[in-house]
């Protein structure tokens, strides 16, 4: 099991607009970013990313959450696998508890 300190470190360094920006073309809209949802087939952007809150929300299908939730939903990964993917992206050594 991934240690709590490693999980906390991943949440601190995983910048949500950077993580989601690898999969979705985001445009700044005030203090947030908007783009076409990767979860719904749409023509006008209803996908919003709030860097200040560290969350995303798709108003087309209702999905939302943080950067780990996005990786889980988009890549169809489990929670530990999503954490591992983000840890690899940010060069974080994973500490495992038994």
Protein backbone atom coordinates (compact mmCIF):
# COMPACT_ATOMS: atom_id res chain seq x y z
CA UNK A 1 0.00 0.00 0.00
CA UNK A 2 1.32 3.45 -0.91
CA UNK A 3 2.32 5.42 2.19
CA UNK A 4 0.26 8.42 3.32
CA UNK A 5 3.28 10.73 3.03
CA UNK A 6 3.77 9.72 -0.63
CA UNK A 7 0.08 10.27 -1.37
CA UNK A 8 0.22 13.71 0.27
CA UNK A 9 3.31 14.60 -1.76
CA UNK A 10 1.61 13.56 -5.02
CA UNK A 11 -1.46 15.69 -4.21
CA UNK A 12 0.79 18.68 -3.44
CA UNK A 13 2.81 18.60 -6.66
CA UNK A 14 0.18 17.40 -9.16
CA UNK A 15 -0.92 20.70 -10.69
CA UNK A 16 -4.42 19.99 -11.97
CA UNK A 17 -4.33 22.20 -15.08
CA UNK A 18 -0.98 20.65 -16.04
CA UNK A 19 -2.23 17.08 -15.55
CA UNK A 20 -5.49 17.63 -17.44
CA UNK A 21 -3.78 19.83 -20.05
CA UNK A 22 -1.97 16.75 -21.34
CA UNK A 23 -5.31 15.28 -22.42
CA UNK A 24 -7.60 18.29 -22.96
CA UNK A 25 -6.93 21.56 -24.79
CA UNK A 26 -7.65 24.15 -22.08
CA UNK A 27 -8.25 27.87 -22.53
CA UNK A 28 -8.12 30.36 -19.68
CA UNK A 29 -11.52 31.75 -18.72
CA UNK A 30 -11.14 34.19 -15.83
CA UNK A 31 -9.49 32.37 -12.95
CA UNK A 32 -10.40 28.95 -14.38
CA UNK A 33 -9.78 26.99 -17.58
CA UNK A 34 -12.37 25.60 -19.99
CA UNK A 35 -12.27 22.93 -22.65
CA UNK A 36 -14.22 20.22 -24.41
CA UNK A 37 -14.97 17.34 -22.08
CA UNK A 38 -13.05 14.12 -22.69
CA UNK A 39 -15.99 12.27 -21.09
CA UNK A 40 -18.87 13.65 -23.19
CA UNK A 41 -19.31 14.29 -26.90
CA UNK A 42 -19.86 18.03 -27.07
CA UNK A 43 -19.38 20.99 -29.38
CA UNK A 44 -19.25 23.78 -26.82
CA UNK A 45 -16.94 23.60 -23.78
CA UNK A 46 -18.63 22.52 -20.55
CA UNK A 47 -15.49 21.15 -18.91
CA UNK A 48 -14.04 23.49 -16.27
CA UNK A 49 -10.78 23.27 -14.31
CA UNK A 50 -10.31 25.41 -11.21
CA UNK A 51 -6.63 25.71 -10.24
CA UNK A 52 -7.50 27.63 -7.05
CA UNK A 53 -9.67 24.74 -5.80
CA UNK A 54 -7.64 21.98 -7.49
CA UNK A 55 -10.72 20.42 -9.09
CA UNK A 56 -12.38 19.78 -12.44
CA UNK A 57 -16.06 19.55 -13.33
CA UNK A 58 -17.79 18.39 -16.49
CA UNK A 59 -21.19 20.03 -16.63
CA UNK A 60 -22.15 17.82 -19.59
CA UNK A 61 -21.91 14.47 -17.79
CA UNK A 62 -21.49 15.52 -14.16
CA UNK A 63 -18.04 14.03 -13.54
CA UNK A 64 -15.69 15.95 -11.32
CA UNK A 65 -12.87 15.66 -8.83
CA UNK A 66 -9.15 16.28 -8.45
CA UNK A 67 -6.14 15.36 -10.59
CA UNK A 68 -6.07 11.76 -9.31
CA UNK A 69 -9.78 11.33 -10.05
CA UNK A 70 -9.22 12.66 -13.57
CA UNK A 71 -6.43 10.17 -14.27
CA UNK A 72 -8.60 7.35 -12.86
CA UNK A 73 -11.56 8.29 -15.07
CA UNK A 74 -9.66 9.15 -18.23
CA UNK A 75 -7.14 6.31 -18.20
CA UNK A 76 -9.49 3.74 -16.57
CA UNK A 77 -7.02 3.12 -13.72
CA UNK A 78 -7.42 2.11 -10.11
CA UNK A 79 -6.59 4.62 -7.38
CA UNK A 80 -3.11 3.13 -6.66
CA UNK A 81 -2.28 2.94 -10.38
CA UNK A 82 -3.34 6.57 -10.90
CA UNK A 83 -1.11 7.59 -7.98
CA UNK A 84 1.78 5.63 -9.49
CA UNK A 85 1.30 7.31 -12.87
CA UNK A 86 1.35 10.78 -11.30
CA UNK A 87 4.33 9.86 -9.13
CA UNK A 88 6.22 8.78 -12.24
CA UNK A 89 5.29 12.02 -14.06
CA UNK A 90 6.60 14.15 -11.18
CA UNK A 91 9.58 11.90 -10.31
CA UNK A 92 8.32 11.03 -6.84
CA UNK A 93 9.73 7.92 -5.20
CA UNK A 94 6.88 5.72 -3.98
CA UNK A 95 7.11 4.52 -0.40
CA UNK A 96 5.06 1.39 0.27
CA UNK A 97 3.61 0.34 3.63
CA UNK A 98 2.89 -3.30 4.29
